[in-house]
Amino acid sequence: MDIAIHLPEAVAQTRDFYGELLHQQASFTTIADHLRALSIRMWEGVQEGNEVVFREIANYHKDHLGRELKVLMKAAWTEGDCQLTIAHEYGFGSWGEVCSLEKGYDLGFEQTVDALLAGDIDLLCENIGRMPQLAQQRSRYGHGATLLHYAVSNGVELWRQQVPLNLPEMVRYLLNNGADLRAKMNVYGGTYAAPELLLSSLHPRNAGIFAEMRAIMDT
């Protein structure tokens, strides 16, 4: 059965711009190699004048947070600005921190994040049934997000900020199988648990599931 998904326009446009490159984690030896490829693609977008990448810059570049797109599109940019934007989007403090990474992806975790955000509860349950540690596991990105953090669509990578309408059911499953509401991720200059990030997340509200999600996470 197809699950309805609330997909914000900015998220859809970002996914269209990067395409399959976003999903090619298995093709890269290290996370650094993958993020380097994403930064190169962003630099191409800057040179093309594509609004999508300037929206990303406004969301993640520490020196340009919240600036208007028309202002950003007239500014002078370097490839280093794209690298810094990607570093911050994925929770790292600097591009140097990204380059120093020698580890690769945990593909089981990445697949489970994708299942969660696609509303595929069968695959979510199957993966956690085989690998119970996934319920508490953290992303290998700098933000260290858990599955619960991905569920609230706030502070994680932009292209993953979508909301399947059966998300409350999946969050209940995670909590019944060991997920920790107190676990914190690194974002916005501090550390925050999923219930805290839910309060300021626009996407669950627009999807119409905010009240149910809050009730679940308040238990």
N, C-alpha and C. Protein backbone atom coordinates (compact mmCIF):
# COMPACT_ATOMS: atom_id res chain seq x y z
N MET A 1 0.85 -1.20 0.00
CA MET A 1 0.00 0.00 0.00
C MET A 1 0.88 1.24 0.00
N ASP A 2 0.58 2.19 -0.89
CA ASP A 2 1.33 3.42 -0.96
C ASP A 2 1.00 4.30 0.25
N ILE A 3 2.03 4.89 0.84
CA ILE A 3 1.87 5.77 1.99
C ILE A 3 1.95 7.22 1.53
N ALA A 4 0.99 8.03 1.93
CA ALA A 4 1.03 9.45 1.62
C ALA A 4 2.19 10.10 2.36
N ILE A 5 2.90 10.97 1.67
CA ILE A 5 4.07 11.63 2.24
C ILE A 5 3.97 13.13 2.02
N HIS A 6 4.17 13.88 3.10
CA HIS A 6 4.25 15.34 2.98
C HIS A 6 5.68 15.68 2.56
N LEU A 7 5.83 16.19 1.34
CA LEU A 7 7.14 16.50 0.78
C LEU A 7 7.23 18.00 0.50
N PRO A 8 7.89 18.77 1.37
CA PRO A 8 8.02 20.21 1.15
C PRO A 8 8.69 20.52 -0.18
N GLU A 9 8.31 21.60 -0.80
CA GLU A 9 8.83 21.94 -2.12
C GLU A 9 10.35 22.07 -2.12
N ALA A 10 10.90 22.70 -1.09
CA ALA A 10 12.35 22.88 -1.03
C ALA A 10 13.07 21.54 -0.95
N VAL A 11 12.48 20.60 -0.26
CA VAL A 11 13.07 19.26 -0.13
C VAL A 11 13.02 18.55 -1.49
N ALA A 12 11.88 18.64 -2.15
CA ALA A 12 11.72 18.00 -3.47
C ALA A 12 12.71 18.58 -4.48
N GLN A 13 12.87 19.90 -4.47
CA GLN A 13 13.78 20.54 -5.42
C GLN A 13 15.23 20.15 -5.15
N THR A 14 15.58 20.04 -3.88
CA THR A 14 16.95 19.63 -3.52
C THR A 14 17.22 18.22 -4.00
N ARG A 15 16.25 17.35 -3.82
CA ARG A 15 16.42 15.96 -4.25
C ARG A 15 16.52 15.86 -5.76
N ASP A 16 15.74 16.67 -6.46
CA ASP A 16 15.81 16.68 -7.92
C ASP A 16 17.18 17.16 -8.40
N PHE A 17 17.72 18.15 -7.71
CA PHE A 17 19.01 18.72 -8.14
C PHE A 17 20.15 17.72 -7.98
N TYR A 18 20.23 17.07 -6.83
CA TYR A 18 21.33 16.14 -6.57
C TYR A 18 21.08 14.75 -7.15
N GLY A 19 19.82 14.40 -7.33
CA GLY A 19 19.47 13.14 -7.96
C GLY A 19 19.99 11.92 -7.22
N GLU A 20 20.39 10.93 -7.97
CA GLU A 20 20.82 9.65 -7.40
C GLU A 20 22.09 9.78 -6.56
N LEU A 21 22.82 10.87 -6.72
CA LEU A 21 24.04 11.06 -5.94
C LEU A 21 23.75 11.00 -4.44
N LEU A 22 22.57 11.43 -4.04
CA LEU A 22 22.21 11.40 -2.63
C LEU A 22 22.14 9.98 -2.09
N HIS A 23 21.81 9.03 -2.94
CA HIS A 23 21.54 7.67 -2.50
C HIS A 23 22.68 6.70 -2.81
N GLN A 24 23.84 7.24 -3.18
CA GLN A 24 24.93 6.37 -3.61
C GLN A 24 25.96 6.13 -2.50
N GLN A 25 25.50 6.06 -1.25
CA GLN A 25 26.43 5.87 -0.14
C GLN A 25 27.31 4.64 -0.33
N ALA A 26 26.73 3.58 -0.87
CA ALA A 26 27.47 2.33 -1.03
C ALA A 26 28.58 2.44 -2.07
N SER A 27 28.54 3.47 -2.90
CA SER A 27 29.53 3.62 -3.97
C SER A 27 30.80 4.32 -3.51
N PHE A 28 30.80 4.84 -2.28
CA PHE A 28 31.94 5.60 -1.79
C PHE A 28 32.62 4.87 -0.64
N THR A 29 33.93 4.86 -0.66
CA THR A 29 34.70 4.17 0.38
C THR A 29 34.52 4.84 1.73
N THR A 30 34.48 6.17 1.73
CA THR A 30 34.32 6.92 2.98
C THR A 30 33.20 7.94 2.85
N ILE A 31 32.71 8.38 4.00
CA ILE A 31 31.71 9.46 4.03
C ILE A 31 32.30 10.72 3.42
N ALA A 32 33.57 10.97 3.69
CA ALA A 32 34.24 12.16 3.15
C ALA A 32 34.18 12.18 1.63
N ASP A 33 34.39 11.04 1.00
CA ASP A 33 34.34 10.97 -0.47
C ASP A 33 32.95 11.34 -0.99
N HIS A 34 31.92 10.86 -0.30
CA HIS A 34 30.55 11.16 -0.72
C HIS A 34 30.24 12.65 -0.56
N LEU A 35 30.59 13.22 0.58
CA LEU A 35 30.30 14.63 0.81
C LEU A 35 31.12 15.52 -0.13
N ARG A 36 32.30 15.06 -0.50
CA ARG A 36 33.10 15.80 -1.48
C ARG A 36 32.38 15.84 -2.83
N ALA A 37 31.80 14.72 -3.22
CA ALA A 37 31.05 14.68 -4.48
C ALA A 37 29.82 15.60 -4.41
N LEU A 38 29.16 15.65 -3.26
CA LEU A 38 28.01 16.54 -3.10
C LEU A 38 28.44 18.00 -3.17
N SER A 39 29.60 18.33 -2.59
CA SER A 39 30.07 19.72 -2.63
C SER A 39 30.42 20.14 -4.05
N ILE A 40 30.96 19.21 -4.84
CA ILE A 40 31.28 19.51 -6.24
C ILE A 40 30.00 19.77 -7.02
N ARG A 41 28.97 18.97 -6.75
CA ARG A 41 27.68 19.18 -7.42
C ARG A 41 27.08 20.52 -7.00
N MET A 42 27.21 20.89 -5.72
CA MET A 42 26.71 22.19 -5.28
C MET A 42 27.45 23.32 -5.98
N TRP A 43 28.74 23.20 -6.13
CA TRP A 43 29.53 24.23 -6.80
C TRP A 43 29.07 24.40 -8.25
N GLU A 44 28.72 23.30 -8.89
CA GLU A 44 28.17 23.38 -10.24
C GLU A 44 26.87 24.18 -10.23
N GLY A 45 26.03 23.94 -9.21
CA GLY A 45 24.77 24.67 -9.09
C GLY A 45 24.98 26.15 -8.86
N VAL A 46 25.98 26.50 -8.07
CA VAL A 46 26.30 27.92 -7.84
C VAL A 46 26.69 28.58 -9.15
N GLN A 47 27.53 27.92 -9.92
CA GLN A 47 27.98 28.49 -11.19
C GLN A 47 26.84 28.60 -12.20
N GLU A 48 25.86 27.70 -12.06
CA GLU A 48 24.68 27.75 -12.95
C GLU A 48 23.65 28.77 -12.48
N GLY A 49 23.79 29.29 -11.25
CA GLY A 49 22.81 30.21 -10.70
C GLY A 49 21.54 29.53 -10.26
N ASN A 50 21.63 28.28 -9.84
CA ASN A 50 20.45 27.50 -9.45
C ASN A 50 20.00 27.89 -8.04
N GLU A 51 18.74 28.31 -7.91
CA GLU A 51 18.21 28.76 -6.62
C GLU A 51 18.29 27.68 -5.54
N VAL A 52 18.22 26.43 -5.95
CA VAL A 52 18.21 25.34 -4.98
C VAL A 52 19.42 25.39 -4.07
N VAL A 53 20.60 25.59 -4.65
CA VAL A 53 21.81 25.57 -3.83
C VAL A 53 21.93 26.81 -2.97
N PHE A 54 21.39 27.93 -3.45
CA PHE A 54 21.44 29.14 -2.63
C PHE A 54 20.50 29.03 -1.43
N ARG A 55 19.43 28.29 -1.59
CA ARG A 55 18.55 28.02 -0.45
C ARG A 55 19.30 27.17 0.58
N GLU A 56 20.07 26.23 0.09
CA GLU A 56 20.88 25.39 0.97
C GLU A 56 21.90 26.23 1.73
N ILE A 57 22.53 27.14 1.01
CA ILE A 57 23.51 28.03 1.63
C ILE A 57 22.85 28.87 2.72
N ALA A 58 21.66 29.39 2.44
CA ALA A 58 20.94 30.21 3.42
C ALA A 58 20.56 29.42 4.66
N ASN A 59 20.43 28.12 4.51
CA ASN A 59 20.05 27.26 5.63
C ASN A 59 21.23 26.78 6.46
N TYR A 60 22.42 26.69 5.83
CA TYR A 60 23.51 25.99 6.51
C TYR A 60 24.84 26.74 6.58
N HIS A 61 25.11 27.68 5.70
CA HIS A 61 26.39 28.39 5.74
C HIS A 61 26.39 29.35 6.91
N LYS A 62 27.34 29.22 7.81
CA LYS A 62 27.31 29.98 9.07
C LYS A 62 27.33 31.49 8.87
N ASP A 63 27.88 31.95 7.75
CA ASP A 63 27.97 33.40 7.53
C ASP A 63 26.80 33.97 6.75
N HIS A 64 25.87 33.12 6.34
CA HIS A 64 24.78 33.60 5.48
C HIS A 64 23.43 33.03 5.87
N LEU A 65 23.28 32.64 7.11
CA LEU A 65 22.03 32.02 7.56
C LEU A 65 20.86 32.99 7.40
N GLY A 66 19.81 32.53 6.75
CA GLY A 66 18.58 33.31 6.63
C GLY A 66 18.61 34.44 5.62
N ARG A 67 19.68 34.59 4.87
CA ARG A 67 19.75 35.70 3.90
C ARG A 67 18.84 35.42 2.71
N GLU A 68 18.36 36.50 2.08
CA GLU A 68 17.45 36.37 0.95
C GLU A 68 18.18 35.77 -0.26
N LEU A 69 17.46 34.96 -1.01
CA LEU A 69 18.07 34.30 -2.16
C LEU A 69 18.59 35.29 -3.19
N LYS A 70 17.83 36.36 -3.42
CA LYS A 70 18.26 37.32 -4.45
C LYS A 70 19.57 38.00 -4.06
N VAL A 71 19.81 38.15 -2.76
CA VAL A 71 21.07 38.71 -2.30
C VAL A 71 22.20 37.70 -2.47
N LEU A 72 21.93 36.47 -2.08
CA LEU A 72 22.94 35.42 -2.18
C LEU A 72 23.34 35.17 -3.63
N MET A 73 22.39 35.24 -4.53
CA MET A 73 22.68 34.92 -5.92
C MET A 73 23.54 35.98 -6.60
N LYS A 74 23.66 37.14 -5.98
CA LYS A 74 24.50 38.21 -6.54
C LYS A 74 25.88 38.27 -5.89
N ALA A 75 26.07 37.47 -4.85
CA ALA A 75 27.34 37.50 -4.11
C ALA A 75 28.41 36.68 -4.83
N ALA A 76 29.66 36.93 -4.44
CA ALA A 76 30.78 36.16 -4.99
C ALA A 76 30.99 34.92 -4.12
N TRP A 77 31.17 33.77 -4.79
CA TRP A 77 31.29 32.52 -4.07
C TRP A 77 32.52 31.75 -4.51
N THR A 78 32.97 30.87 -3.65
CA THR A 78 34.08 29.98 -3.97
C THR A 78 33.64 28.54 -3.73
N GLU A 79 34.43 27.62 -4.22
CA GLU A 79 34.14 26.21 -3.97
C GLU A 79 34.23 25.90 -2.47
N GLY A 80 35.07 26.67 -1.78
CA GLY A 80 35.18 26.49 -0.33
C GLY A 80 33.88 26.80 0.39
N ASP A 81 33.11 27.76 -0.12
CA ASP A 81 31.81 28.06 0.49
C ASP A 81 30.86 26.87 0.36
N CYS A 82 30.93 26.19 -0.76
CA CYS A 82 30.09 25.01 -0.94
C CYS A 82 30.53 23.89 0.00
N GLN A 83 31.82 23.73 0.16
CA GLN A 83 32.32 22.71 1.08
C GLN A 83 31.88 22.99 2.51
N LEU A 84 31.95 24.25 2.91
CA LEU A 84 31.54 24.61 4.27
C LEU A 84 30.05 24.39 4.47
N THR A 85 29.25 24.72 3.46
CA THR A 85 27.80 24.51 3.54
C THR A 85 27.48 23.03 3.72
N ILE A 86 28.10 22.19 2.91
CA ILE A 86 27.87 20.75 3.02
C ILE A 86 28.33 20.24 4.38
N ALA A 87 29.48 20.70 4.84
CA ALA A 87 29.97 20.27 6.16
C ALA A 87 28.95 20.57 7.24
N HIS A 88 28.39 21.78 7.24
CA HIS A 88 27.43 22.17 8.26
C HIS A 88 26.11 21.43 8.10
N GLU A 89 25.69 21.21 6.87
CA GLU A 89 24.42 20.50 6.65
C GLU A 89 24.46 19.10 7.24
N TYR A 90 25.63 18.48 7.19
CA TYR A 90 25.77 17.12 7.70
C TYR A 90 26.35 17.08 9.11
N GLY A 91 26.35 18.23 9.76
CA GLY A 91 26.65 18.27 11.18
C GLY A 91 28.11 18.37 11.56
N PHE A 92 28.98 18.71 10.61
CA PHE A 92 30.40 18.85 10.92
C PHE A 92 30.76 20.32 11.11
N GLY A 93 31.76 20.57 11.94
CA GLY A 93 32.12 21.95 12.25
C GLY A 93 32.90 22.64 11.16
N SER A 94 33.59 21.88 10.31
CA SER A 94 34.41 22.47 9.26
C SER A 94 34.63 21.46 8.15
N TRP A 95 35.11 21.95 7.02
CA TRP A 95 35.43 21.04 5.92
C TRP A 95 36.63 20.17 6.28
N GLY A 96 37.54 20.72 7.05
CA GLY A 96 38.68 19.93 7.50
C GLY A 96 38.24 18.72 8.31
N GLU A 97 37.20 18.90 9.10
CA GLU A 97 36.67 17.79 9.89
C GLU A 97 36.11 16.71 8.97
N VAL A 98 35.46 17.12 7.89
CA VAL A 98 34.96 16.15 6.92
C VAL A 98 36.12 15.39 6.29
N CYS A 99 37.14 16.11 5.85
CA CYS A 99 38.26 15.49 5.15
C CYS A 99 39.04 14.51 6.02
N SER A 100 38.97 14.71 7.33
CA SER A 100 39.72 13.83 8.23
C SER A 100 39.00 12.51 8.49
N LEU A 101 37.75 12.39 8.02
CA LEU A 101 36.98 11.16 8.24
C LEU A 101 37.55 10.02 7.42
N GLU A 102 37.78 8.91 8.08
CA GLU A 102 38.26 7.73 7.38
C GLU A 102 37.22 6.61 7.36
N LYS A 103 36.10 6.83 8.05
CA LYS A 103 35.09 5.78 8.14
C LYS A 103 34.09 5.88 6.99
N GLY A 104 33.50 4.73 6.69
CA GLY A 104 32.45 4.68 5.69
C GLY A 104 31.08 4.66 6.34
N TYR A 105 30.06 4.48 5.54
CA TYR A 105 28.69 4.46 6.03
C TYR A 105 28.35 3.14 6.72
N ASP A 106 27.43 3.20 7.65
CA ASP A 106 26.74 2.01 8.12
C ASP A 106 25.51 1.89 7.23
N LEU A 107 25.57 1.03 6.25
CA LEU A 107 24.52 0.97 5.24
C LEU A 107 23.20 0.46 5.81
N GLY A 108 23.27 -0.36 6.86
CA GLY A 108 22.05 -0.81 7.51
C GLY A 108 21.31 0.34 8.15
N PHE A 109 22.03 1.25 8.78
CA PHE A 109 21.41 2.43 9.39
C PHE A 109 20.83 3.34 8.31
N GLU A 110 21.60 3.59 7.25
CA GLU A 110 21.13 4.48 6.19
C GLU A 110 19.87 3.93 5.53
N GLN A 111 19.83 2.63 5.30
CA GLN A 111 18.65 2.01 4.71
C GLN A 111 17.44 2.15 5.62
N THR A 112 17.68 2.06 6.94
CA THR A 112 16.57 2.15 7.89
C THR A 112 16.05 3.58 7.99
N VAL A 113 16.94 4.57 7.90
CA VAL A 113 16.48 5.96 7.83
C VAL A 113 15.59 6.15 6.61
N ASP A 114 16.03 5.63 5.48
CA ASP A 114 15.23 5.78 4.26
C ASP A 114 13.88 5.08 4.38
N ALA A 115 13.86 3.91 5.02
CA ALA A 115 12.60 3.20 5.23
C ALA A 115 11.66 4.02 6.10
N LEU A 116 12.19 4.59 7.17
CA LEU A 116 11.40 5.42 8.07
C LEU A 116 10.76 6.58 7.32
N LEU A 117 11.56 7.27 6.52
CA LEU A 117 11.08 8.47 5.85
C LEU A 117 10.19 8.15 4.65
N ALA A 118 10.24 6.91 4.18
CA ALA A 118 9.35 6.49 3.10
C ALA A 118 8.05 5.92 3.64
N GLY A 119 7.95 5.80 4.97
CA GLY A 119 6.75 5.23 5.57
C GLY A 119 6.69 3.73 5.42
N ASP A 120 7.84 3.09 5.15
CA ASP A 120 7.88 1.64 4.95
C ASP A 120 8.04 0.95 6.30
N ILE A 121 6.94 0.79 7.01
CA ILE A 121 7.00 0.23 8.36
C ILE A 121 7.41 -1.24 8.34
N ASP A 122 7.09 -1.97 7.27
CA ASP A 122 7.49 -3.37 7.20
C ASP A 122 9.01 -3.51 7.16
N LEU A 123 9.66 -2.69 6.34
CA LEU A 123 11.12 -2.74 6.26
C LEU A 123 11.75 -2.23 7.55
N LEU A 124 11.16 -1.19 8.13
CA LEU A 124 11.66 -0.67 9.41
C LEU A 124 11.65 -1.77 10.47
N CYS A 125 10.52 -2.47 10.58
CA CYS A 125 10.40 -3.54 11.58
C CYS A 125 11.34 -4.70 11.27
N GLU A 126 11.47 -5.02 10.00
CA GLU A 126 12.36 -6.12 9.61
C GLU A 126 13.81 -5.80 9.99
N ASN A 127 14.24 -4.58 9.68
CA ASN A 127 15.63 -4.21 9.98
C ASN A 127 15.90 -4.19 11.48
N ILE A 128 14.99 -3.62 12.24
CA ILE A 128 15.21 -3.55 13.68
C ILE A 128 15.06 -4.93 14.32
N GLY A 129 14.21 -5.77 13.72
CA GLY A 129 14.12 -7.14 14.20
C GLY A 129 15.43 -7.89 14.05
N ARG A 130 16.15 -7.61 12.95
CA ARG A 130 17.44 -8.27 12.71
C ARG A 130 18.58 -7.56 13.45
N MET A 131 18.45 -6.24 13.59
CA MET A 131 19.53 -5.44 14.19
C MET A 131 18.92 -4.50 15.24
N PRO A 132 18.58 -5.01 16.41
CA PRO A 132 17.90 -4.21 17.43
C PRO A 132 18.64 -2.93 17.82
N GLN A 133 19.94 -2.92 17.64
CA GLN A 133 20.73 -1.75 18.02
C GLN A 133 20.39 -0.52 17.18
N LEU A 134 19.74 -0.73 16.03
CA LEU A 134 19.39 0.40 15.17
C LEU A 134 18.46 1.39 15.88
N ALA A 135 17.64 0.92 16.80
CA ALA A 135 16.68 1.80 17.48
C ALA A 135 17.39 2.90 18.27
N GLN A 136 18.61 2.63 18.71
CA GLN A 136 19.36 3.62 19.48
C GLN A 136 20.60 4.13 18.73
N GLN A 137 20.85 3.59 17.57
CA GLN A 137 22.07 3.93 16.84
C GLN A 137 22.07 5.37 16.37
N ARG A 138 23.27 5.92 16.18
CA ARG A 138 23.43 7.29 15.71
C ARG A 138 24.01 7.30 14.30
N SER A 139 23.65 8.32 13.56
CA SER A 139 24.25 8.54 12.26
C SER A 139 25.75 8.77 12.41
N ARG A 140 26.49 8.39 11.40
CA ARG A 140 27.93 8.67 11.38
C ARG A 140 28.25 10.06 10.87
N TYR A 141 27.22 10.80 10.48
CA TYR A 141 27.43 12.22 10.18
C TYR A 141 27.74 12.96 11.48
N GLY A 142 28.25 14.16 11.34
CA GLY A 142 28.66 14.91 12.52
C GLY A 142 27.54 15.22 13.49
N HIS A 143 26.30 15.29 13.00
CA HIS A 143 25.20 15.62 13.91
C HIS A 143 24.83 14.47 14.84
N GLY A 144 25.17 13.23 14.47
CA GLY A 144 24.89 12.10 15.34
C GLY A 144 23.42 11.85 15.58
N ALA A 145 22.58 12.12 14.59
CA ALA A 145 21.14 11.95 14.75
C ALA A 145 20.74 10.48 14.89
N THR A 146 19.72 10.23 15.69
CA THR A 146 19.10 8.91 15.79
C THR A 146 17.90 8.85 14.85
N LEU A 147 17.28 7.70 14.77
CA LEU A 147 16.06 7.57 13.96
C LEU A 147 14.96 8.51 14.45
N LEU A 148 14.88 8.70 15.76
CA LEU A 148 13.87 9.62 16.29
C LEU A 148 14.13 11.05 15.83
N HIS A 149 15.39 11.44 15.73
CA HIS A 149 15.70 12.78 15.24
C HIS A 149 15.28 12.92 13.78
N TYR A 150 15.54 11.89 12.99
CA TYR A 150 15.10 11.95 11.59
C TYR A 150 13.58 12.04 11.51
N ALA A 151 12.89 11.46 12.46
CA ALA A 151 11.42 11.46 12.43
C ALA A 151 10.83 12.84 12.63
N VAL A 152 11.56 13.76 13.29
CA VAL A 152 10.98 15.08 13.56
C VAL A 152 11.36 16.12 12.51
N SER A 153 12.15 15.74 11.51
CA SER A 153 12.42 16.61 10.34
C SER A 153 12.97 17.97 10.73
N ASN A 154 13.96 17.98 11.58
CA ASN A 154 14.52 19.26 12.03
C ASN A 154 15.99 19.06 12.38
N GLY A 155 16.86 19.77 11.66
CA GLY A 155 18.28 19.71 11.98
C GLY A 155 19.07 18.68 11.21
N VAL A 156 18.39 17.76 10.53
CA VAL A 156 19.08 16.76 9.71
C VAL A 156 19.24 17.30 8.29
N GLU A 157 19.91 16.55 7.44
CA GLU A 157 20.16 16.98 6.08
C GLU A 157 18.85 17.33 5.37
N LEU A 158 18.88 18.41 4.60
CA LEU A 158 17.67 18.99 4.01
C LEU A 158 16.89 18.00 3.18
N TRP A 159 17.57 17.19 2.38
CA TRP A 159 16.87 16.32 1.44
C TRP A 159 16.08 15.21 2.14
N ARG A 160 16.34 15.02 3.43
CA ARG A 160 15.62 13.98 4.16
C ARG A 160 14.48 14.54 5.03
N GLN A 161 14.16 15.78 4.88
CA GLN A 161 13.14 16.38 5.74
C GLN A 161 11.75 16.24 5.11
N GLN A 162 11.29 15.01 5.04
CA GLN A 162 9.94 14.72 4.56
C GLN A 162 9.20 13.94 5.63
N VAL A 163 7.87 13.92 5.53
CA VAL A 163 7.05 13.36 6.61
C VAL A 163 6.02 12.37 6.06
N PRO A 164 6.24 11.07 6.23
CA PRO A 164 5.19 10.10 5.88
C PRO A 164 4.05 10.20 6.89
N LEU A 165 2.83 10.07 6.45
CA LEU A 165 1.70 10.31 7.35
C LEU A 165 1.48 9.17 8.35
N ASN A 166 2.16 8.04 8.15
CA ASN A 166 2.11 6.97 9.15
C ASN A 166 3.28 7.06 10.13
N LEU A 167 3.92 8.21 10.17
CA LEU A 167 5.08 8.39 11.05
C LEU A 167 4.76 8.14 12.53
N PRO A 168 3.62 8.59 13.05
CA PRO A 168 3.33 8.30 14.47
C PRO A 168 3.37 6.81 14.79
N GLU A 169 2.84 5.99 13.90
CA GLU A 169 2.86 4.54 14.12
C GLU A 169 4.30 4.03 14.19
N MET A 170 5.16 4.55 13.33
CA MET A 170 6.55 4.09 13.31
C MET A 170 7.31 4.59 14.53
N VAL A 171 7.00 5.80 14.98
CA VAL A 171 7.66 6.32 16.20
C VAL A 171 7.25 5.49 17.41
N ARG A 172 6.00 5.12 17.48
CA ARG A 172 5.56 4.22 18.58
C ARG A 172 6.36 2.92 18.54
N TYR A 173 6.53 2.39 17.35
CA TYR A 173 7.30 1.14 17.22
C TYR A 173 8.73 1.35 17.72
N LEU A 174 9.35 2.44 17.32
CA LEU A 174 10.73 2.71 17.76
C LEU A 174 10.81 2.80 19.28
N LEU A 175 9.87 3.51 19.89
CA LEU A 175 9.89 3.68 21.34
C LEU A 175 9.64 2.35 22.05
N ASN A 176 8.82 1.51 21.47
CA ASN A 176 8.55 0.19 22.07
C ASN A 176 9.72 -0.77 21.89
N ASN A 177 10.70 -0.36 21.05
CA ASN A 177 11.82 -1.25 20.77
C ASN A 177 13.17 -0.61 21.12
N GLY A 178 13.13 0.26 22.13
CA GLY A 178 14.38 0.73 22.70
C GLY A 178 14.86 2.11 22.32
N ALA A 179 14.17 2.82 21.44
CA ALA A 179 14.61 4.17 21.09
C ALA A 179 14.57 5.08 22.31
N ASP A 180 15.54 5.97 22.43
CA ASP A 180 15.72 6.80 23.62
C ASP A 180 15.32 8.25 23.32
N LEU A 181 14.24 8.70 23.92
CA LEU A 181 13.79 10.08 23.73
C LEU A 181 14.78 11.10 24.27
N ARG A 182 15.66 10.67 25.16
CA ARG A 182 16.62 11.62 25.77
C ARG A 182 17.89 11.77 24.94
N ALA A 183 18.09 10.93 23.94
CA ALA A 183 19.29 11.01 23.12
C ALA A 183 19.34 12.36 22.40
N LYS A 184 20.50 12.97 22.36
CA LYS A 184 20.65 14.30 21.77
C LYS A 184 21.53 14.27 20.53
N MET A 185 21.20 15.15 19.59
CA MET A 185 22.02 15.31 18.40
C MET A 185 22.69 16.68 18.44
N ASN A 186 23.75 16.85 17.67
CA ASN A 186 24.49 18.11 17.61
C ASN A 186 23.90 18.98 16.51
N VAL A 187 23.30 20.10 16.88
CA VAL A 187 22.68 20.96 15.87
C VAL A 187 22.42 22.34 16.47
N TYR A 188 22.40 23.35 15.62
CA TYR A 188 22.09 24.72 16.03
C TYR A 188 22.99 25.21 17.17
N GLY A 189 24.23 24.77 17.16
CA GLY A 189 25.18 25.23 18.16
C GLY A 189 25.03 24.60 19.52
N GLY A 190 24.22 23.55 19.63
CA GLY A 190 24.01 22.89 20.92
C GLY A 190 23.67 21.43 20.71
N THR A 191 23.06 20.82 21.72
CA THR A 191 22.61 19.43 21.60
C THR A 191 21.14 19.37 21.99
N TYR A 192 20.36 18.62 21.21
CA TYR A 192 18.92 18.61 21.42
C TYR A 192 18.36 17.21 21.23
N ALA A 193 17.38 16.88 22.08
CA ALA A 193 16.64 15.62 21.95
C ALA A 193 15.52 15.79 20.93
N ALA A 194 15.04 14.69 20.40
CA ALA A 194 13.99 14.74 19.37
C ALA A 194 12.74 15.50 19.83
N PRO A 195 12.24 15.30 21.07
CA PRO A 195 11.05 16.06 21.48
C PRO A 195 11.26 17.56 21.47
N GLU A 196 12.47 18.00 21.78
CA GLU A 196 12.76 19.44 21.75
C GLU A 196 12.73 19.96 20.32
N LEU A 197 13.32 19.22 19.39
CA LEU A 197 13.36 19.65 17.99
C LEU A 197 11.99 19.58 17.34
N LEU A 198 11.14 18.67 17.80
CA LEU A 198 9.78 18.59 17.27
C LEU A 198 9.03 19.90 17.46
N LEU A 199 9.23 20.55 18.58
CA LEU A 199 8.48 21.76 18.92
C LEU A 199 8.70 22.88 17.91
N SER A 200 9.88 22.92 17.30
CA SER A 200 10.18 23.99 16.34
C SER A 200 10.20 23.49 14.90
N SER A 201 9.71 22.28 14.67
CA SER A 201 9.73 21.72 13.32
C SER A 201 8.44 22.04 12.58
N LEU A 202 8.58 22.65 11.43
CA LEU A 202 7.41 23.07 10.64
C LEU A 202 6.76 21.91 9.90
N HIS A 203 7.54 20.96 9.44
CA HIS A 203 7.02 19.94 8.54
C HIS A 203 5.96 19.03 9.17
N PRO A 204 6.15 18.54 10.40
CA PRO A 204 5.06 17.73 10.99
C PRO A 204 3.77 18.52 11.17
N ARG A 205 3.90 19.82 11.43
CA ARG A 205 2.70 20.66 11.55
C ARG A 205 1.98 20.73 10.21
N ASN A 206 2.74 21.00 9.15
CA ASN A 206 2.13 21.11 7.82
C ASN A 206 1.56 19.78 7.35
N ALA A 207 2.11 18.69 7.85
CA ALA A 207 1.62 17.37 7.49
C ALA A 207 0.38 16.98 8.30
N GLY A 208 0.09 17.75 9.34
CA GLY A 208 -1.10 17.48 10.14
C GLY A 208 -0.93 16.41 11.20
N ILE A 209 0.33 16.09 11.55
CA ILE A 209 0.54 15.03 12.54
C ILE A 209 1.27 15.54 13.79
N PHE A 210 1.44 16.85 13.90
CA PHE A 210 2.22 17.38 15.01
C PHE A 210 1.63 17.01 16.37
N ALA A 211 0.34 17.19 16.55
CA ALA A 211 -0.28 16.93 17.85
C ALA A 211 -0.11 15.48 18.26
N GLU A 212 -0.29 14.57 17.31
CA GLU A 212 -0.13 13.15 17.62
C GLU A 212 1.32 12.82 17.95
N MET A 213 2.24 13.39 17.19
CA MET A 213 3.66 13.16 17.46
C MET A 213 4.05 13.70 18.83
N ARG A 214 3.54 14.87 19.17
CA ARG A 214 3.88 15.44 20.48
C ARG A 214 3.32 14.60 21.60
N ALA A 215 2.10 14.12 21.46
CA ALA A 215 1.50 13.28 22.49
C ALA A 215 2.32 12.00 22.69
N ILE A 216 2.79 11.42 21.61
CA ILE A 216 3.60 10.20 21.70
C ILE A 216 4.91 10.49 22.42
N MET A 217 5.54 11.60 22.06
CA MET A 217 6.86 11.90 22.61
C MET A 217 6.80 12.49 24.02
N ASP A 218 5.63 12.89 24.44
CA ASP A 218 5.46 13.39 25.81
C ASP A 218 5.21 12.27 26.82
N THR A 219 5.03 11.05 26.32
CA THR A 219 4.73 9.94 27.22
C THR A 219 5.99 9.42 27.90
